[in-house]
Amino acid sequence: MSLSVTLTINHVLQQVELDDPRVTLLDLLRERLDLTGTKKGCDRGQCGACTILLNGQRVNACLALALSHDGAEILTIEGLAEGEALHPLQAAFIAHDALQCGFCTPGQIMSALGLITEGQAGDDPERVREGMSGNLCRCGAYRGITEAVVEASRTMAGAPQETAA
């Protein structure tokens, strides 16, 4: 039995045949569409490494069945940069050394983008930490992650940047 699902992934409409109705968005993205930026961490929705935006909302792709989201719009880490121009979050993560091993970084960035677009980030580090609490970093780069999200939030809002003294 073959099932079909139509998704807009990173602004491209795609129709995919599924052999199994239990295929998650994570496995569809990684194994069928070769979008390996979305990471499989715990595969239980606890670490946030697989965070994507689904219809503009943060979602753990490991918990979302592809078949349940027919017609949805998905944004992954591969859909952020425009050519060689990094997204403000990607640039801020680099500038603030908000990564070490890099495994959690795509999920962190996608979660941060959702947090910002939901209007939940602002420039309050405590609010950012709370909003990003579903994304774990084994290396402990939380300070840099928080600083990067605050900076990107300001940049994306068009606010002037603070300079270090």
C-alpha atoms as a PDB file:
ATOM      1  CA  MET A   1       0.000   0.000   0.000  1.00  0.00           C
ATOM      2  CA  SER A   2       1.476   3.319  -1.060  1.00  0.00           C
ATOM      3  CA  LEU A   3       0.269   6.639   0.324  1.00  0.00           C
ATOM      4  CA  SER A   4       0.990  10.071  -1.073  1.00  0.00           C
ATOM      5  CA  VAL A   5       1.703  13.258   0.850  1.00  0.00           C
ATOM      6  CA  THR A   6       2.165  16.739  -0.582  1.00  0.00           C
ATOM      7  CA  LEU A   7       4.338  19.151   1.391  1.00  0.00           C
ATOM      8  CA  THR A   8       5.938  22.501   0.739  1.00  0.00           C
ATOM      9  CA  ILE A   9       9.471  22.009   2.024  1.00  0.00           C
ATOM     10  CA  ASN A  10      11.815  24.997   2.090  1.00  0.00           C
ATOM     11  CA  HIS A  11       9.500  26.826  -0.338  1.00  0.00           C
ATOM     12  CA  VAL A  12       9.380  23.927  -2.845  1.00  0.00           C
ATOM     13  CA  LEU A  13       6.202  21.920  -3.380  1.00  0.00           C
ATOM     14  CA  GLN A  14       6.949  18.198  -3.211  1.00  0.00           C
ATOM     15  CA  GLN A  15       4.814  15.106  -3.534  1.00  0.00           C
ATOM     16  CA  VAL A  16       6.237  12.058  -1.786  1.00  0.00           C
ATOM     17  CA  GLU A  17       5.058   8.452  -1.830  1.00  0.00           C
ATOM     18  CA  LEU A  18       5.105   6.773   1.567  1.00  0.00           C
ATOM     19  CA  ASP A  19       5.406   3.013   1.909  1.00  0.00           C
ATOM     20  CA  ASP A  20       4.451   3.117   5.573  1.00  0.00           C
ATOM     21  CA  PRO A  21       1.883   5.396   7.281  1.00  0.00           C
ATOM     22  CA  ARG A  22       4.164   5.537  10.358  1.00  0.00           C
ATOM     23  CA  VAL A  23       6.938   7.535   8.634  1.00  0.00           C
ATOM     24  CA  THR A  24       7.804  10.595  10.699  1.00  0.00           C
ATOM     25  CA  LEU A  25       8.645  13.961   9.212  1.00  0.00           C
ATOM     26  CA  LEU A  26      12.172  13.465  10.550  1.00  0.00           C
ATOM     27  CA  ASP A  27      12.695  10.219   8.663  1.00  0.00           C
ATOM     28  CA  LEU A  28      11.043  11.615   5.540  1.00  0.00           C
ATOM     29  CA  LEU A  29      13.323  14.663   5.559  1.00  0.00           C
ATOM     30  CA  ARG A  30      16.533  12.789   6.309  1.00  0.00           C
ATOM     31  CA  GLU A  31      16.107   9.460   4.564  1.00  0.00           C
ATOM     32  CA  ARG A  32      13.865  10.232   1.618  1.00  0.00           C
ATOM     33  CA  LEU A  33      14.657  13.866   0.803  1.00  0.00           C
ATOM     34  CA  ASP A  34      18.319  13.955   1.911  1.00  0.00           C
ATOM     35  CA  LEU A  35      17.759  17.012   4.137  1.00  0.00           C
ATOM     36  CA  THR A  36      20.135  15.839   6.836  1.00  0.00           C
ATOM     37  CA  GLY A  37      20.457  19.142   8.688  1.00  0.00           C
ATOM     38  CA  THR A  38      17.530  18.090  10.848  1.00  0.00           C
ATOM     39  CA  LYS A  39      19.159  15.740  13.351  1.00  0.00           C
ATOM     40  CA  LYS A  40      17.906  12.556  14.968  1.00  0.00           C
ATOM     41  CA  GLY A  41      18.921  12.856  18.591  1.00  0.00           C
ATOM     42  CA  CYS A  42      16.732  11.079  21.108  1.00  0.00           C
ATOM     43  CA  ASP A  43      13.910  10.163  18.680  1.00  0.00           C
ATOM     44  CA  ARG A  44      11.504  10.782  21.597  1.00  0.00           C
ATOM     45  CA  GLY A  45      10.865  14.523  21.421  1.00  0.00           C
ATOM     46  CA  GLN A  46      13.042  15.313  24.416  1.00  0.00           C
ATOM     47  CA  CYS A  47      16.203  16.902  22.978  1.00  0.00           C
ATOM     48  CA  GLY A  48      15.009  19.291  20.245  1.00  0.00           C
ATOM     49  CA  ALA A  49      17.697  18.300  17.719  1.00  0.00           C
ATOM     50  CA  CYS A  50      14.968  17.610  15.149  1.00  0.00           C
ATOM     51  CA  THR A  51      13.160  20.939  15.527  1.00  0.00           C
ATOM     52  CA  ILE A  52      11.630  22.273  12.305  1.00  0.00           C
ATOM     53  CA  LEU A  53       8.993  24.871  11.580  1.00  0.00           C
ATOM     54  CA  LEU A  54       5.696  23.287  10.551  1.00  0.00           C
ATOM     55  CA  ASN A  55       3.231  25.883   9.311  1.00  0.00           C
ATOM     56  CA  GLY A  56       5.359  28.442  11.172  1.00  0.00           C
ATOM     57  CA  GLN A  57       5.299  26.610  14.510  1.00  0.00           C
ATOM     58  CA  ARG A  58       8.161  24.813  16.243  1.00  0.00           C
ATOM     59  CA  VAL A  59       7.724  21.051  16.065  1.00  0.00           C
ATOM     60  CA  ASN A  60       9.821  18.040  16.979  1.00  0.00           C
ATOM     61  CA  ALA A  61       9.919  16.267  13.619  1.00  0.00           C
ATOM     62  CA  CYS A  62      10.549  12.906  15.306  1.00  0.00           C
ATOM     63  CA  LEU A  63       7.057  13.015  16.817  1.00  0.00           C
ATOM     64  CA  ALA A  64       5.136  14.192  13.737  1.00  0.00           C
ATOM     65  CA  LEU A  65       3.780  11.645  11.301  1.00  0.00           C
ATOM     66  CA  ALA A  66       4.287  12.804   7.716  1.00  0.00           C
ATOM     67  CA  LEU A  67       0.889  11.534   6.629  1.00  0.00           C
ATOM     68  CA  SER A  68      -0.832  13.695   9.261  1.00  0.00           C
ATOM     69  CA  HIS A  69       0.601  16.857   7.734  1.00  0.00           C
ATOM     70  CA  ASP A  70      -0.449  16.549   4.099  1.00  0.00           C
ATOM     71  CA  GLY A  71      -0.476  20.051   2.593  1.00  0.00           C
ATOM     72  CA  ALA A  72       1.718  21.542   5.312  1.00  0.00           C
ATOM     73  CA  GLU A  73       4.561  24.008   4.909  1.00  0.00           C
ATOM     74  CA  ILE A  74       7.872  22.908   6.403  1.00  0.00           C
ATOM     75  CA  LEU A  75      11.004  24.961   6.930  1.00  0.00           C
ATOM     76  CA  THR A  76      14.276  23.249   7.819  1.00  0.00           C
ATOM     77  CA  ILE A  77      17.770  24.589   8.424  1.00  0.00           C
ATOM     78  CA  GLU A  78      18.536  24.056   4.720  1.00  0.00           C
ATOM     79  CA  GLY A  79      15.866  26.621   3.836  1.00  0.00           C
ATOM     80  CA  LEU A  80      17.258  29.541   5.854  1.00  0.00           C
ATOM     81  CA  ALA A  81      20.269  30.923   3.993  1.00  0.00           C
ATOM     82  CA  GLU A  82      19.652  32.731   0.731  1.00  0.00           C
ATOM     83  CA  GLY A  83      22.468  31.608  -1.522  1.00  0.00           C
ATOM     84  CA  GLU A  84      25.705  32.593   0.186  1.00  0.00           C
ATOM     85  CA  ALA A  85      23.939  35.058   2.525  1.00  0.00           C
ATOM     86  CA  LEU A  86      23.451  33.561   5.969  1.00  0.00           C
ATOM     87  CA  HIS A  87      20.214  34.072   7.856  1.00  0.00           C
ATOM     88  CA  PRO A  88      20.679  36.518  10.796  1.00  0.00           C
ATOM     89  CA  LEU A  89      20.381  33.610  13.245  1.00  0.00           C
ATOM     90  CA  GLN A  90      23.093  31.628  11.476  1.00  0.00           C
ATOM     91  CA  ALA A  91      25.377  34.679  11.462  1.00  0.00           C
ATOM     92  CA  ALA A  92      24.670  35.372  15.149  1.00  0.00           C
ATOM     93  CA  PHE A  93      25.421  31.764  16.126  1.00  0.00           C
ATOM     94  CA  ILE A  94      28.812  32.078  14.454  1.00  0.00           C
ATOM     95  CA  ALA A  95      29.507  35.525  15.928  1.00  0.00           C
ATOM     96  CA  HIS A  96      28.680  34.385  19.466  1.00  0.00           C
ATOM     97  CA  ASP A  97      30.416  31.014  19.211  1.00  0.00           C
ATOM     98  CA  ALA A  98      27.038  29.419  19.997  1.00  0.00           C
ATOM     99  CA  LEU A  99      28.124  25.971  18.924  1.00  0.00           C
ATOM    100  CA  GLN A 100      30.762  23.454  19.749  1.00  0.00           C
ATOM    101  CA  CYS A 101      30.148  20.033  18.264  1.00  0.00           C
ATOM    102  CA  GLY A 102      27.322  21.481  16.152  1.00  0.00           C
ATOM    103  CA  PHE A 103      24.966  18.518  16.462  1.00  0.00           C
ATOM    104  CA  CYS A 104      22.178  20.480  18.170  1.00  0.00           C
ATOM    105  CA  THR A 105      22.764  23.684  16.199  1.00  0.00           C
ATOM    106  CA  PRO A 106      20.178  23.190  13.416  1.00  0.00           C
ATOM    107  CA  GLY A 107      17.454  22.433  15.966  1.00  0.00           C
ATOM    108  CA  GLN A 108      18.586  25.330  18.145  1.00  0.00           C
ATOM    109  CA  ILE A 109      18.453  27.737  15.203  1.00  0.00           C
ATOM    110  CA  MET A 110      15.041  26.525  14.034  1.00  0.00           C
ATOM    111  CA  SER A 111      13.670  26.750  17.570  1.00  0.00           C
ATOM    112  CA  ALA A 112      15.119  30.256  17.911  1.00  0.00           C
ATOM    113  CA  LEU A 113      13.504  31.298  14.631  1.00  0.00           C
ATOM    114  CA  GLY A 114      10.149  30.041  15.881  1.00  0.00           C
ATOM    115  CA  LEU A 115      10.650  31.816  19.187  1.00  0.00           C
ATOM    116  CA  ILE A 116      11.450  35.086  17.419  1.00  0.00           C
ATOM    117  CA  THR A 117       8.628  34.883  14.881  1.00  0.00           C
ATOM    118  CA  GLU A 118       6.177  34.020  17.673  1.00  0.00           C
ATOM    119  CA  GLY A 119       7.251  37.289  19.339  1.00  0.00           C
ATOM    120  CA  GLN A 120       8.511  35.386  22.379  1.00  0.00           C
ATOM    121  CA  ALA A 121      12.234  36.252  22.251  1.00  0.00           C
ATOM    122  CA  GLY A 122      12.777  39.978  22.494  1.00  0.00           C
ATOM    123  CA  ASP A 123      16.027  40.977  24.130  1.00  0.00           C
ATOM    124  CA  ASP A 124      15.466  39.454  27.563  1.00  0.00           C
ATOM    125  CA  PRO A 125      18.022  36.640  28.035  1.00  0.00           C
ATOM    126  CA  GLU A 126      15.901  34.930  30.707  1.00  0.00           C
ATOM    127  CA  ARG A 127      12.901  34.852  28.387  1.00  0.00           C
ATOM    128  CA  VAL A 128      15.068  33.429  25.606  1.00  0.00           C
ATOM    129  CA  ARG A 129      16.487  30.733  27.909  1.00  0.00           C
ATOM    130  CA  GLU A 130      12.976  29.728  28.968  1.00  0.00           C
ATOM    131  CA  GLY A 131      11.720  29.696  25.366  1.00  0.00           C
ATOM    132  CA  MET A 132      14.658  27.574  24.212  1.00  0.00           C
ATOM    133  CA  SER A 133      14.464  25.120  27.130  1.00  0.00           C
ATOM    134  CA  GLY A 134      13.218  22.297  24.889  1.00  0.00           C
ATOM    135  CA  ASN A 135      16.513  22.261  22.986  1.00  0.00           C
ATOM    136  CA  LEU A 136      19.396  20.569  24.721  1.00  0.00           C
ATOM    137  CA  CYS A 137      23.096  21.151  24.059  1.00  0.00           C
ATOM    138  CA  ARG A 138      25.420  18.395  25.257  1.00  0.00           C
ATOM    139  CA  CYS A 139      28.392  20.745  25.005  1.00  0.00           C
ATOM    140  CA  GLY A 140      26.841  23.438  27.198  1.00  0.00           C
ATOM    141  CA  ALA A 141      27.002  26.346  24.744  1.00  0.00           C
ATOM    142  CA  TYR A 142      23.892  27.894  26.293  1.00  0.00           C
ATOM    143  CA  ARG A 143      25.392  31.316  26.999  1.00  0.00           C
ATOM    144  CA  GLY A 144      26.449  31.776  23.363  1.00  0.00           C
ATOM    145  CA  ILE A 145      23.110  30.426  22.154  1.00  0.00           C
ATOM    146  CA  THR A 146      21.205  32.899  24.317  1.00  0.00           C
ATOM    147  CA  GLU A 147      23.407  35.806  23.193  1.00  0.00           C
ATOM    148  CA  ALA A 148      22.975  34.780  19.542  1.00  0.00           C
ATOM    149  CA  VAL A 149      19.194  34.596  19.818  1.00  0.00           C
ATOM    150  CA  VAL A 150      18.995  37.991  21.525  1.00  0.00           C
ATOM    151  CA  GLU A 151      21.220  39.553  18.838  1.00  0.00           C
ATOM    152  CA  ALA A 152      19.297  37.947  15.980  1.00  0.00           C
ATOM    153  CA  SER A 153      16.008  39.018  17.515  1.00  0.00           C
ATOM    154  CA  ARG A 154      17.233  42.625  17.556  1.00  0.00           C
ATOM    155  CA  THR A 155      18.606  42.345  14.014  1.00  0.00           C
ATOM    156  CA  MET A 156      15.408  40.830  12.655  1.00  0.00           C
ATOM    157  CA  ALA A 157      13.359  43.555  14.384  1.00  0.00           C
ATOM    158  CA  GLY A 158      15.603  46.232  12.862  1.00  0.00           C
ATOM    159  CA  ALA A 159      16.799  47.443  16.278  1.00  0.00           C
ATOM    160  CA  PRO A 160      20.286  48.951  16.669  1.00  0.00           C
ATOM    161  CA  GLN A 161      22.868  46.529  18.017  1.00  0.00           C
ATOM    162  CA  GLU A 162      24.613  47.027  21.335  1.00  0.00           C
ATOM    163  CA  THR A 163      28.375  47.177  21.122  1.00  0.00           C
ATOM    164  CA  ALA A 164      30.702  45.560  23.604  1.00  0.00           C
ATOM    165  CA  ALA A 165      32.738  47.946  25.739  1.00  0.00           C
END
